[in-house]
Structure formats: C-alpha cells, structure tokens
C-alpha atoms as a PDB file:
ATOM      1  CA  MET A   1     -26.449  55.677 -26.735  1.00  0.00           C
ATOM      2  CA  THR A   2     -28.772  57.910 -28.736  1.00  0.00           C
ATOM      3  CA  LYS A   3     -32.530  58.120 -28.112  1.00  0.00           C
ATOM      4  CA  ILE A   4     -33.225  56.236 -31.393  1.00  0.00           C
ATOM      5  CA  GLU A   5     -30.828  53.380 -30.497  1.00  0.00           C
ATOM      6  CA  SER A   6     -32.395  53.104 -27.055  1.00  0.00           C
ATOM      7  CA  THR A   7     -35.920  52.823 -28.477  1.00  0.00           C
ATOM      8  CA  ILE A   8     -34.933  50.283 -31.167  1.00  0.00           C
ATOM      9  CA  GLN A   9     -33.391  48.000 -28.501  1.00  0.00           C
ATOM     10  CA  SER A  10     -36.549  48.277 -26.345  1.00  0.00           C
ATOM     11  CA  ASP A  11     -38.966  45.309 -25.951  1.00  0.00           C
ATOM     12  CA  ASN A  12     -42.024  47.566 -25.722  1.00  0.00           C
ATOM     13  CA  ILE A  13     -43.878  46.941 -28.995  1.00  0.00           C
ATOM     14  CA  GLU A  14     -45.771  50.227 -28.894  1.00  0.00           C
ATOM     15  CA  LEU A  15     -42.614  52.332 -28.397  1.00  0.00           C
ATOM     16  CA  LEU A  16     -40.960  50.422 -31.259  1.00  0.00           C
ATOM     17  CA  ALA A  17     -43.876  51.033 -33.589  1.00  0.00           C
ATOM     18  CA  ASN A  18     -44.004  54.738 -32.664  1.00  0.00           C
ATOM     19  CA  GLN A  19     -40.293  55.042 -33.477  1.00  0.00           C
ATOM     20  CA  VAL A  20     -40.712  53.368 -36.857  1.00  0.00           C
ATOM     21  CA  VAL A  21     -43.799  55.317 -37.928  1.00  0.00           C
ATOM     22  CA  GLU A  22     -42.531  58.672 -36.756  1.00  0.00           C
ATOM     23  CA  GLY A  23     -39.351  57.965 -38.631  1.00  0.00           C
ATOM     24  CA  PHE A  24     -40.974  57.737 -42.073  1.00  0.00           C
ATOM     25  CA  ILE A  25     -44.395  59.421 -41.759  1.00  0.00           C
ATOM     26  CA  ILE A  26     -42.794  62.744 -42.829  1.00  0.00           C
ATOM     27  CA  GLY A  27     -41.810  61.164 -46.155  1.00  0.00           C
ATOM     28  CA  LEU A  28     -45.395  60.118 -46.870  1.00  0.00           C
ATOM     29  CA  HIS A  29     -47.323  63.026 -48.453  1.00  0.00           C
ATOM     30  CA  LYS A  30     -50.565  61.053 -48.519  1.00  0.00           C
ATOM     31  CA  SER A  31     -51.744  57.714 -47.309  1.00  0.00           C
ATOM     32  CA  PRO A  32     -50.365  54.648 -49.119  1.00  0.00           C
ATOM     33  CA  PHE A  33     -53.580  52.781 -48.272  1.00  0.00           C
ATOM     34  CA  HIS A  34     -57.098  53.448 -49.461  1.00  0.00           C
ATOM     35  CA  GLY A  35     -60.456  51.892 -48.682  1.00  0.00           C
ATOM     36  CA  PHE A  36     -62.310  49.926 -51.333  1.00  0.00           C
ATOM     37  CA  SER A  37     -64.917  52.059 -53.116  1.00  0.00           C
ATOM     38  CA  VAL A  38     -67.903  49.715 -53.135  1.00  0.00           C
ATOM     39  CA  GLU A  39     -68.922  46.493 -51.461  1.00  0.00           C
ATOM     40  CA  PHE A  40     -71.656  44.135 -52.736  1.00  0.00           C
ATOM     41  CA  ALA A  41     -74.559  44.078 -50.253  1.00  0.00           C
ATOM     42  CA  GLU A  42     -77.550  42.198 -51.689  1.00  0.00           C
ATOM     43  CA  HIS A  43     -79.860  41.679 -54.702  1.00  0.00           C
ATOM     44  CA  LYS A  44     -83.077  43.606 -55.289  1.00  0.00           C
ATOM     45  CA  LEU A  45     -85.759  43.280 -57.985  1.00  0.00           C
ATOM     46  CA  PHE A  46     -84.964  45.377 -61.044  1.00  0.00           C
ATOM     47  CA  ASN A  47     -87.278  48.363 -61.468  1.00  0.00           C
ATOM     48  CA  ASN A  48     -87.701  50.612 -64.484  1.00  0.00           C
ATOM     49  CA  GLY A  49     -85.190  53.431 -64.146  1.00  0.00           C
ATOM     50  CA  ASP A  50     -82.551  51.340 -62.323  1.00  0.00           C
ATOM     51  CA  PRO A  51     -79.104  51.310 -63.961  1.00  0.00           C
ATOM     52  CA  ILE A  52     -78.832  48.466 -66.455  1.00  0.00           C
ATOM     53  CA  LYS A  53     -75.156  48.007 -65.638  1.00  0.00           C
ATOM     54  CA  ASN A  54     -76.148  46.668 -62.189  1.00  0.00           C
ATOM     55  CA  ILE A  55     -78.278  43.772 -63.545  1.00  0.00           C
ATOM     56  CA  ASP A  56     -77.007  40.386 -62.425  1.00  0.00           C
ATOM     57  CA  TRP A  57     -77.212  38.415 -65.696  1.00  0.00           C
ATOM     58  CA  LYS A  58     -76.090  35.172 -64.018  1.00  0.00           C
ATOM     59  CA  VAL A  59     -79.103  35.288 -61.737  1.00  0.00           C
ATOM     60  CA  TYR A  60     -81.312  36.126 -64.652  1.00  0.00           C
ATOM     61  CA  GLY A  61     -80.032  33.027 -66.469  1.00  0.00           C
ATOM     62  CA  ARG A  62     -81.016  30.845 -63.508  1.00  0.00           C
ATOM     63  CA  THR A  63     -84.324  32.456 -62.512  1.00  0.00           C
ATOM     64  CA  ASP A  64     -85.533  34.261 -65.686  1.00  0.00           C
ATOM     65  CA  LYS A  65     -86.070  37.333 -63.455  1.00  0.00           C
ATOM     66  CA  LEU A  66     -84.202  40.615 -63.476  1.00  0.00           C
ATOM     67  CA  PHE A  67     -82.339  41.492 -60.269  1.00  0.00           C
ATOM     68  CA  SER A  68     -79.978  44.438 -59.663  1.00  0.00           C
ATOM     69  CA  LYS A  69     -76.897  44.244 -57.494  1.00  0.00           C
ATOM     70  CA  LYS A  70     -77.116  46.607 -54.554  1.00  0.00           C
ATOM     71  CA  PHE A  71     -73.839  48.077 -53.357  1.00  0.00           C
ATOM     72  CA  GLU A  72     -72.772  49.795 -50.119  1.00  0.00           C
ATOM     73  CA  GLU A  73     -70.306  52.663 -50.251  1.00  0.00           C
ATOM     74  CA  GLU A  74     -67.084  51.875 -48.457  1.00  0.00           C
ATOM     75  CA  THR A  75     -64.890  54.689 -47.216  1.00  0.00           C
ATOM     76  CA  ASN A  76     -62.577  52.882 -44.805  1.00  0.00           C
ATOM     77  CA  LEU A  77     -60.102  50.079 -45.176  1.00  0.00           C
ATOM     78  CA  ARG A  78     -60.157  46.749 -43.379  1.00  0.00           C
ATOM     79  CA  CYS A  79     -56.777  45.190 -42.755  1.00  0.00           C
ATOM     80  CA  GLN A  80     -56.036  41.733 -41.464  1.00  0.00           C
ATOM     81  CA  ILE A  81     -52.484  41.262 -40.240  1.00  0.00           C
ATOM     82  CA  VAL A  82     -51.372  37.650 -40.337  1.00  0.00           C
ATOM     83  CA  ILE A  83     -48.164  36.521 -38.500  1.00  0.00           C
ATOM     84  CA  ASP A  84     -46.388  33.192 -38.635  1.00  0.00           C
ATOM     85  CA  CYS A  85     -45.301  32.441 -35.053  1.00  0.00           C
ATOM     86  CA  SER A  86     -43.808  29.009 -35.637  1.00  0.00           C
ATOM     87  CA  SER A  87     -40.419  28.351 -34.019  1.00  0.00           C
ATOM     88  CA  SER A  88     -38.359  29.113 -37.141  1.00  0.00           C
ATOM     89  CA  MET A  89     -39.497  32.688 -36.820  1.00  0.00           C
ATOM     90  CA  TYR A  90     -37.545  32.944 -33.556  1.00  0.00           C
ATOM     91  CA  PHE A  91     -34.250  32.814 -35.408  1.00  0.00           C
ATOM     92  CA  PRO A  92     -31.606  34.116 -34.949  1.00  0.00           C
ATOM     93  CA  GLN A  93     -31.399  33.517 -31.215  1.00  0.00           C
ATOM     94  CA  THR A  94     -28.865  33.390 -28.436  1.00  0.00           C
ATOM     95  CA  ASN A  95     -29.121  30.944 -25.505  1.00  0.00           C
ATOM     96  CA  GLY A  96     -32.628  29.957 -26.560  1.00  0.00           C
ATOM     97  CA  LYS A  97     -33.914  33.565 -26.724  1.00  0.00           C
ATOM     98  CA  PRO A  98     -34.658  35.485 -29.947  1.00  0.00           C
ATOM     99  CA  ASP A  99     -32.159  38.244 -30.742  1.00  0.00           C
ATOM    100  CA  ASP A 100     -33.183  41.900 -31.240  1.00  0.00           C
ATOM    101  CA  ASN A 101     -32.967  41.323 -35.040  1.00  0.00           C
ATOM    102  CA  SER A 102     -34.888  38.055 -34.980  1.00  0.00           C
ATOM    103  CA  LYS A 103     -37.533  37.386 -37.631  1.00  0.00           C
ATOM    104  CA  ILE A 104     -40.353  37.363 -35.029  1.00  0.00           C
ATOM    105  CA  LYS A 105     -39.362  40.782 -33.683  1.00  0.00           C
ATOM    106  CA  PHE A 106     -39.267  42.165 -37.235  1.00  0.00           C
ATOM    107  CA  ALA A 107     -42.740  40.725 -37.838  1.00  0.00           C
ATOM    108  CA  ALA A 108     -44.194  42.078 -34.587  1.00  0.00           C
ATOM    109  CA  VAL A 109     -42.753  45.611 -35.049  1.00  0.00           C
ATOM    110  CA  ALA A 110     -43.896  45.702 -38.703  1.00  0.00           C
ATOM    111  CA  ALA A 111     -47.402  44.600 -37.630  1.00  0.00           C
ATOM    112  CA  ALA A 112     -47.538  47.228 -34.875  1.00  0.00           C
ATOM    113  CA  SER A 113     -46.332  49.866 -37.379  1.00  0.00           C
ATOM    114  CA  PHE A 114     -49.051  48.936 -39.834  1.00  0.00           C
ATOM    115  CA  GLN A 115     -51.602  49.075 -37.087  1.00  0.00           C
ATOM    116  CA  LYS A 116     -50.446  52.573 -36.095  1.00  0.00           C
ATOM    117  CA  LEU A 117     -50.791  53.757 -39.700  1.00  0.00           C
ATOM    118  CA  MET A 118     -54.304  52.297 -39.902  1.00  0.00           C
ATOM    119  CA  LYS A 119     -55.221  53.906 -36.569  1.00  0.00           C
ATOM    120  CA  LYS A 120     -54.178  57.290 -37.947  1.00  0.00           C
ATOM    121  CA  GLN A 121     -56.657  56.706 -40.854  1.00  0.00           C
ATOM    122  CA  ARG A 122     -59.347  55.354 -38.493  1.00  0.00           C
ATOM    123  CA  ASP A 123     -59.277  52.068 -40.425  1.00  0.00           C
ATOM    124  CA  ALA A 124     -60.219  48.692 -39.037  1.00  0.00           C
ATOM    125  CA  VAL A 125     -57.437  46.255 -38.131  1.00  0.00           C
ATOM    126  CA  GLY A 126     -57.521  42.584 -37.225  1.00  0.00           C
ATOM    127  CA  LEU A 127     -54.777  40.101 -36.171  1.00  0.00           C
ATOM    128  CA  SER A 128     -54.291  36.418 -36.974  1.00  0.00           C
ATOM    129  CA  LEU A 129     -51.443  34.318 -35.501  1.00  0.00           C
ATOM    130  CA  PHE A 130     -50.614  30.831 -36.752  1.00  0.00           C
ATOM    131  CA  SER A 131     -48.033  28.035 -36.558  1.00  0.00           C
ATOM    132  CA  ASP A 132     -49.242  24.464 -37.193  1.00  0.00           C
ATOM    133  CA  SER A 133     -52.802  25.827 -36.859  1.00  0.00           C
ATOM    134  CA  LEU A 134     -54.578  29.135 -36.284  1.00  0.00           C
ATOM    135  CA  LYS A 135     -53.675  30.169 -32.741  1.00  0.00           C
ATOM    136  CA  PHE A 136     -55.367  33.562 -32.482  1.00  0.00           C
ATOM    137  CA  HIS A 137     -57.829  35.450 -34.684  1.00  0.00           C
ATOM    138  CA  SER A 138     -59.570  38.797 -34.151  1.00  0.00           C
ATOM    139  CA  GLU A 139     -61.845  40.391 -36.730  1.00  0.00           C
ATOM    140  CA  ALA A 140     -60.931  43.791 -38.067  1.00  0.00           C
ATOM    141  CA  LYS A 141     -62.195  46.642 -35.844  1.00  0.00           C
ATOM    142  CA  SER A 142     -61.144  50.218 -35.321  1.00  0.00           C
ATOM    143  CA  SER A 143     -61.809  50.644 -31.577  1.00  0.00           C
ATOM    144  CA  SER A 144     -59.217  51.584 -29.010  1.00  0.00           C
ATOM    145  CA  ILE A 145     -59.812  48.312 -27.205  1.00  0.00           C
ATOM    146  CA  GLN A 146     -58.974  46.444 -30.435  1.00  0.00           C
ATOM    147  CA  HIS A 147     -55.680  48.303 -30.787  1.00  0.00           C
ATOM    148  CA  GLN A 148     -54.749  47.516 -27.168  1.00  0.00           C
ATOM    149  CA  LEU A 149     -55.681  43.850 -27.635  1.00  0.00           C
ATOM    150  CA  ILE A 150     -53.438  43.589 -30.770  1.00  0.00           C
ATOM    151  CA  ASN A 151     -50.515  45.240 -28.985  1.00  0.00           C
ATOM    152  CA  ILE A 152     -50.853  42.791 -26.113  1.00  0.00           C
ATOM    153  CA  GLU A 153     -50.734  39.829 -28.479  1.00  0.00           C
ATOM    154  CA  LEU A 154     -47.734  41.297 -30.380  1.00  0.00           C
ATOM    155  CA  GLN A 155     -45.939  41.899 -27.081  1.00  0.00           C
ATOM    156  CA  LYS A 156     -46.463  38.236 -26.185  1.00  0.00           C
ATOM    157  CA  LEU A 157     -44.788  37.199 -29.440  1.00  0.00           C
ATOM    158  CA  ILE A 158     -41.468  38.837 -28.662  1.00  0.00           C
ATOM    159  CA  THR A 159     -41.384  37.876 -24.980  1.00  0.00           C
ATOM    160  CA  ASN A 160     -42.585  34.258 -25.094  1.00  0.00           C
ATOM    161  CA  THR A 161     -40.338  31.992 -27.169  1.00  0.00           C
ATOM    162  CA  GLN A 162     -42.163  29.216 -29.039  1.00  0.00           C
ATOM    163  CA  ILE A 163     -40.324  25.834 -28.757  1.00  0.00           C
ATOM    164  CA  ASN A 164     -40.768  23.097 -31.381  1.00  0.00           C
ATOM    165  CA  GLN A 165     -43.755  24.789 -32.995  1.00  0.00           C
ATOM    166  CA  THR A 166     -44.050  23.561 -36.574  1.00  0.00           C
ATOM    167  CA  SER A 167     -45.795  25.594 -39.290  1.00  0.00           C
ATOM    168  CA  ASN A 168     -48.679  24.761 -41.577  1.00  0.00           C
ATOM    169  CA  THR A 169     -49.132  27.949 -43.608  1.00  0.00           C
ATOM    170  CA  ALA A 170     -51.516  26.577 -46.167  1.00  0.00           C
ATOM    171  CA  LYS A 171     -53.946  25.138 -43.653  1.00  0.00           C
ATOM    172  CA  SER A 172     -53.932  28.327 -41.571  1.00  0.00           C
ATOM    173  CA  LEU A 173     -54.414  30.648 -44.527  1.00  0.00           C
ATOM    174  CA  HIS A 174     -57.411  28.616 -45.774  1.00  0.00           C
ATOM    175  CA  GLU A 175     -58.925  28.964 -42.317  1.00  0.00           C
ATOM    176  CA  ILE A 176     -58.241  32.698 -42.268  1.00  0.00           C
ATOM    177  CA  ALA A 177     -59.790  33.106 -45.775  1.00  0.00           C
ATOM    178  CA  GLU A 178     -62.947  31.440 -44.487  1.00  0.00           C
ATOM    179  CA  SER A 179     -63.142  33.735 -41.461  1.00  0.00           C
ATOM    180  CA  ILE A 180     -62.746  37.126 -43.234  1.00  0.00           C
ATOM    181  CA  HIS A 181     -66.226  37.948 -44.488  1.00  0.00           C
ATOM    182  CA  LYS A 182     -65.618  41.416 -46.017  1.00  0.00           C
ATOM    183  CA  ARG A 183     -63.105  42.476 -48.585  1.00  0.00           C
ATOM    184  CA  SER A 184     -59.859  43.336 -46.830  1.00  0.00           C
ATOM    185  CA  MET A 185     -56.169  43.951 -47.263  1.00  0.00           C
ATOM    186  CA  VAL A 186     -54.355  40.890 -45.896  1.00  0.00           C
ATOM    187  CA  ILE A 187     -50.751  41.406 -44.805  1.00  0.00           C
ATOM    188  CA  ILE A 188     -48.861  38.173 -44.257  1.00  0.00           C
ATOM    189  CA  LEU A 189     -45.578  38.193 -42.317  1.00  0.00           C
ATOM    190  CA  SER A 190     -43.752  34.877 -42.552  1.00  0.00           C
ATOM    191  CA  ASP A 191     -40.454  33.217 -43.380  1.00  0.00           C
ATOM    192  CA  MET A 192     -42.334  30.781 -45.645  1.00  0.00           C
ATOM    193  CA  MET A 193     -40.151  28.007 -44.268  1.00  0.00           C
ATOM    194  CA  ASP A 194     -42.685  25.233 -44.746  1.00  0.00           C
ATOM    195  CA  ASN A 195     -42.582  25.672 -48.533  1.00  0.00           C
ATOM    196  CA  MET A 196     -39.222  23.828 -48.819  1.00  0.00           C
ATOM    197  CA  SER A 197     -40.501  21.842 -51.792  1.00  0.00           C
ATOM    198  CA  SER A 198     -42.530  22.438 -54.968  1.00  0.00           C
ATOM    199  CA  LYS A 199     -45.451  20.620 -53.358  1.00  0.00           C
ATOM    200  CA  GLY A 200     -45.292  22.810 -50.264  1.00  0.00           C
ATOM    201  CA  LEU A 201     -45.257  25.977 -52.368  1.00  0.00           C
ATOM    202  CA  ASP A 202     -48.205  24.777 -54.436  1.00  0.00           C
ATOM    203  CA  GLU A 203     -50.179  24.197 -51.242  1.00  0.00           C
ATOM    204  CA  ILE A 204     -49.405  27.642 -49.967  1.00  0.00           C
ATOM    205  CA  PHE A 205     -50.468  29.247 -53.267  1.00  0.00           C
ATOM    206  CA  SER A 206     -53.701  27.300 -53.203  1.00  0.00           C
ATOM    207  CA  ALA A 207     -54.406  29.072 -49.901  1.00  0.00           C
ATOM    208  CA  LEU A 208     -53.295  32.458 -51.253  1.00  0.00           C
ATOM    209  CA  GLN A 209     -55.593  31.989 -54.252  1.00  0.00           C
ATOM    210  CA  HIS A 210     -58.378  31.328 -51.776  1.00  0.00           C
ATOM    211  CA  LEU A 211     -57.798  34.762 -50.346  1.00  0.00           C
ATOM    212  CA  LYS A 212     -57.591  36.334 -53.873  1.00  0.00           C
ATOM    213  CA  TYR A 213     -60.769  34.525 -54.956  1.00  0.00           C
ATOM    214  CA  ASN A 214     -62.495  36.216 -52.011  1.00  0.00           C
ATOM    215  CA  LYS A 215     -61.358  39.549 -53.530  1.00  0.00           C
ATOM    216  CA  HIS A 216     -58.830  40.383 -50.801  1.00  0.00           C
ATOM    217  CA  GLU A 217     -55.693  42.313 -51.564  1.00  0.00           C
ATOM    218  CA  VAL A 218     -52.788  40.099 -50.482  1.00  0.00           C
ATOM    219  CA  ILE A 219     -49.301  41.352 -49.417  1.00  0.00           C
ATOM    220  CA  VAL A 220     -46.595  38.890 -48.394  1.00  0.00           C
ATOM    221  CA  PHE A 221     -43.504  39.898 -46.403  1.00  0.00           C
ATOM    222  CA  ASP A 222     -40.978  37.062 -46.840  1.00  0.00           C
ATOM    223  CA  ILE A 223     -38.802  37.531 -43.730  1.00  0.00           C
ATOM    224  CA  VAL A 224     -35.396  35.824 -43.694  1.00  0.00           C
ATOM    225  CA  ASP A 225     -31.908  36.049 -42.197  1.00  0.00           C
ATOM    226  CA  LYS A 226     -30.274  36.575 -45.578  1.00  0.00           C
ATOM    227  CA  LYS A 227     -26.715  35.986 -44.351  1.00  0.00           C
ATOM    228  CA  GLN A 228     -27.276  32.562 -42.801  1.00  0.00           C
ATOM    229  CA  GLU A 229     -30.581  31.251 -44.177  1.00  0.00           C
ATOM    230  CA  LEU A 230     -30.065  32.245 -47.839  1.00  0.00           C
ATOM    231  CA  ASN A 231     -26.306  32.657 -48.294  1.00  0.00           C
ATOM    232  CA  PHE A 232     -25.301  30.009 -45.717  1.00  0.00           C
ATOM    233  CA  GLU A 233     -22.415  32.158 -44.502  1.00  0.00           C
ATOM    234  CA  PHE A 234     -20.761  29.981 -41.801  1.00  0.00           C
ATOM    235  CA  GLU A 235     -17.110  29.391 -41.057  1.00  0.00           C
ATOM    236  CA  ASN A 236     -15.530  26.320 -42.706  1.00  0.00           C
ATOM    237  CA  ARG A 237     -15.688  24.004 -39.683  1.00  0.00           C
ATOM    238  CA  PRO A 238     -18.045  21.361 -38.265  1.00  0.00           C
ATOM    239  CA  TYR A 239     -21.436  22.577 -36.952  1.00  0.00           C
ATOM    240  CA  GLU A 240     -24.457  21.017 -35.313  1.00  0.00           C
ATOM    241  CA  PHE A 241     -27.508  22.466 -36.955  1.00  0.00           C
ATOM    242  CA  ILE A 242     -30.828  22.291 -35.095  1.00  0.00           C
ATOM    243  CA  ASP A 243     -34.286  22.509 -36.716  1.00  0.00           C
ATOM    244  CA  LEU A 244     -36.069  24.970 -34.421  1.00  0.00           C
ATOM    245  CA  GLU A 245     -39.496  23.558 -35.407  1.00  0.00           C
ATOM    246  CA  THR A 246     -38.848  19.829 -34.940  1.00  0.00           C
ATOM    247  CA  GLY A 247     -35.757  19.766 -32.727  1.00  0.00           C
ATOM    248  CA  GLU A 248     -33.991  17.537 -35.257  1.00  0.00           C
ATOM    249  CA  LYS A 249     -30.180  17.848 -35.155  1.00  0.00           C
ATOM    250  CA  ILE A 250     -27.564  17.155 -37.816  1.00  0.00           C
ATOM    251  CA  LYS A 251     -23.773  17.511 -37.691  1.00  0.00           C
ATOM    252  CA  LEU A 252     -21.851  18.467 -40.824  1.00  0.00           C
ATOM    253  CA  GLN A 253     -19.085  20.564 -42.334  1.00  0.00           C
ATOM    254  CA  SER A 254     -20.714  23.805 -43.608  1.00  0.00           C
ATOM    255  CA  GLN A 255     -18.723  24.039 -46.842  1.00  0.00           C
ATOM    256  CA  GLU A 256     -19.678  20.482 -47.844  1.00  0.00           C
ATOM    257  CA  ILE A 257     -23.278  21.442 -48.520  1.00  0.00           C
ATOM    258  CA  LYS A 258     -23.132  25.219 -49.018  1.00  0.00           C
ATOM    259  CA  GLN A 259     -23.190  25.206 -52.844  1.00  0.00           C
ATOM    260  CA  HIS A 260     -26.159  22.788 -53.041  1.00  0.00           C
ATOM    261  CA  TYR A 261     -28.076  24.546 -50.211  1.00  0.00           C
ATOM    262  CA  VAL A 262     -27.652  27.996 -51.693  1.00  0.00           C
ATOM    263  CA  ALA A 263     -28.781  26.772 -55.115  1.00  0.00           C
ATOM    264  CA  GLN A 264     -31.878  25.131 -53.687  1.00  0.00           C
ATOM    265  CA  MET A 265     -32.835  28.126 -51.619  1.00  0.00           C
ATOM    266  CA  LYS A 266     -32.357  30.466 -54.608  1.00  0.00           C
ATOM    267  CA  LYS A 267     -34.638  28.273 -56.735  1.00  0.00           C
ATOM    268  CA  LEU A 268     -37.349  28.141 -54.023  1.00  0.00           C
ATOM    269  CA  LYS A 269     -37.300  31.901 -53.510  1.00  0.00           C
ATOM    270  CA  GLN A 270     -37.367  32.492 -57.261  1.00  0.00           C
ATOM    271  CA  ASP A 271     -40.392  30.182 -57.615  1.00  0.00           C
ATOM    272  CA  LEU A 272     -42.096  32.129 -54.803  1.00  0.00           C
ATOM    273  CA  LYS A 273     -41.423  35.414 -56.581  1.00  0.00           C
ATOM    274  CA  LEU A 274     -42.719  34.118 -59.961  1.00  0.00           C
ATOM    275  CA  LYS A 275     -45.903  32.707 -58.467  1.00  0.00           C
ATOM    276  CA  CYS A 276     -46.627  35.939 -56.553  1.00  0.00           C
ATOM    277  CA  ALA A 277     -46.229  37.918 -59.744  1.00  0.00           C
ATOM    278  CA  GLN A 278     -48.495  35.438 -61.590  1.00  0.00           C
ATOM    279  CA  PHE A 279     -51.324  35.922 -59.054  1.00  0.00           C
ATOM    280  CA  LYS A 280     -50.770  39.664 -58.562  1.00  0.00           C
ATOM    281  CA  ILE A 281     -49.628  39.324 -54.946  1.00  0.00           C
ATOM    282  CA  ASP A 282     -47.207  41.942 -53.587  1.00  0.00           C
ATOM    283  CA  LEU A 283     -44.064  40.166 -52.382  1.00  0.00           C
ATOM    284  CA  ILE A 284     -41.613  42.093 -50.209  1.00  0.00           C
ATOM    285  CA  GLU A 285     -38.302  40.390 -49.460  1.00  0.00           C
ATOM    286  CA  ALA A 286     -37.279  41.373 -45.984  1.00  0.00           C
ATOM    287  CA  ASP A 287     -33.884  40.752 -44.360  1.00  0.00           C
ATOM    288  CA  CYS A 288     -34.546  40.852 -40.613  1.00  0.00           C
ATOM    289  CA  HIS A 289     -31.085  42.447 -40.061  1.00  0.00           C
ATOM    290  CA  GLU A 290     -32.013  45.508 -42.123  1.00  0.00           C
ATOM    291  CA  GLY A 291     -34.703  46.744 -39.790  1.00  0.00           C
ATOM    292  CA  VAL A 292     -38.417  47.444 -40.252  1.00  0.00           C
ATOM    293  CA  GLN A 293     -38.093  51.109 -41.318  1.00  0.00           C
ATOM    294  CA  LYS A 294     -35.597  50.359 -44.103  1.00  0.00           C
ATOM    295  CA  ILE A 295     -37.957  47.726 -45.581  1.00  0.00           C
ATOM    296  CA  LEU A 296     -41.355  49.433 -45.058  1.00  0.00           C
ATOM    297  CA  LEU A 297     -40.569  52.953 -46.246  1.00  0.00           C
ATOM    298  CA  PRO A 298     -39.583  52.098 -49.867  1.00  0.00           C
ATOM    299  CA  TYR A 299     -42.649  49.844 -50.152  1.00  0.00           C
ATOM    300  CA  LEU A 300     -45.070  52.443 -48.766  1.00  0.00           C
ATOM    301  CA  LEU A 301     -43.566  55.162 -51.021  1.00  0.00           C
ATOM    302  CA  LYS A 302     -44.029  52.869 -53.986  1.00  0.00           C
ATOM    303  CA  ARG A 303     -47.698  52.256 -53.052  1.00  0.00           C
ATOM    304  CA  GLN A 304     -48.221  56.014 -52.567  1.00  0.00           C
ATOM    305  CA  LYS A 305     -47.045  56.723 -56.078  1.00  0.00           C
ATOM    306  CA  LEU A 306     -49.339  54.068 -57.571  1.00  0.00           C
ATOM    307  CA  ASN A 307     -52.486  55.437 -55.794  1.00  0.00           C
END
C-alpha cells in the first residue's frame, strides 16, 4: 500500500485534509479566495468635503437630513462551512457503518480541506451542522483553538453514525442566515435529499435567497452516490430498500421502477441547477466515489482564473 493510499483510508480528519491540500496546493498559483473589500459600518452626518457618492439617499428621503455611509476596510475573508449531517449523508454504508467513500466522509474531508486553505490565508472559519434542526454552530474565527474545535466536530461526524436523523435544510439555513452577522462566504455540503419535490426545492431556495439577501456568497456542493442514487444501478432482482432518515422499508424489483426513478431524479437535479444559476449560486455536483481532491481542484482552479 502506498503512503497516499494509507492516508486516504485513514479516519484522522486532519491527516486526510493535509493529504488533499498538499496534493493540489502546487497547482494553485494564487489564492482562489479573496476577502471582501469593504463592509458597511454605520451612518454619520454628511459634512462639506465628504464624498457625495457615500450619501444614503434612502435615509435622506425619510429624515430630510444628509447622512454618509461609513465603511470599514476588510482584508480577510470570513467563511462559514455548513454540513448536512442527516442520516442520508451516511450512505453508502456497510453493516450500519458509513463506507470510506460515504457522502458524510466526503463532506467532512472537504470541510477540513477548506479550513486548511483558510488557515493558510489567516482567514476566519466557522462551522454549522444540521439535520432536522441546527445541531452545532460556531461563528467564524481565525484562532488555533477554533481550528481545533472544528476538527473535533468533523472527526465526530465520521466516527458517530447518525440513525434515523431526518433533514430540514430550509429551516436550518434560515437559522444560519440569521446567525451570520457579517458578510461571509457560505459553503454548503449536502445531498439535498429533502428537496424531493418542487415544493421542497422552493423552500430550500427561499432559505438560500435569505443568505444571498444578506450579501453572502453561497456555494453549494451537491454530494451524491451517482451510481446508485442517480442512475439506480442495481441488479435485476428483488431488493428491500431502507430510508436511512425515517427507517421506512419497501420491497420491490429494481428494474420495475428504474426508468421512472431516474427520470424524476434527473428532473429534480436539473431544477436545482437552473435555480442556482438564476440566483448566482455556485453549484458543484460531487460524486462521493470520485474523491475530494478530484472535485475540489477543478473548482478552485476555475475560481482562481476568475479572480
């Protein structure tokens, strides 16, 4: 077994992140992330000589007085990493335990890799975990203690299997939007499995719009097992399928529903893609079997070229 293979199969989240970041940092000639240039701080009375462009005309319309917007210079980035830890994220699994290529392990390693990149830039990072509600939330900070805390929480994700944990993405994202008080980059890692209807997708996008309205940059990693969850590639024989979130079971012949299932999933994922484009949200489709490095590197290189 090579050194790389040994590290990839490890359950130590920090070692996994180090392996991923060291693997592609050479290809990045500059940072793919940049801080926001200015941040609104407060209003102050307009004085002769102040720049006219900073006058808040809406306030003038309400008060008949001239006020200027005062801004603070921002040099560093704030990043909030949001992970769906509902039970569907623990697929695929064997004997009740998530596999090495499970969706939750992909999400945890991707999150740890983003954190390591932010740490190199001395940027602030926060972590939010949700299933049917917000389970954990830490505000973005750049301290060593913060990085240790996040790694501990990520380690828990891949070692403690969540049983029958349903997801409520919309509710959780609304709560997160209310808790982030400064402009940030929000990275969401989820399988988006509670959007299995047009209504569900609309509710999620209401929450994503909430984040966009608060001027956050939003990036969504849609993590799936492409072979089984999208293409429904099962042998033509009877199966008992189990909903990991509710525990509901159903017995059926895989080929009887494959055509309908694949068509429905394709439509839902296409709707997700169109809505993300409409609201200028970065959507990255991630097959958990491809590995974090293969998904992250092309995206980061693309961002780097656009900066």
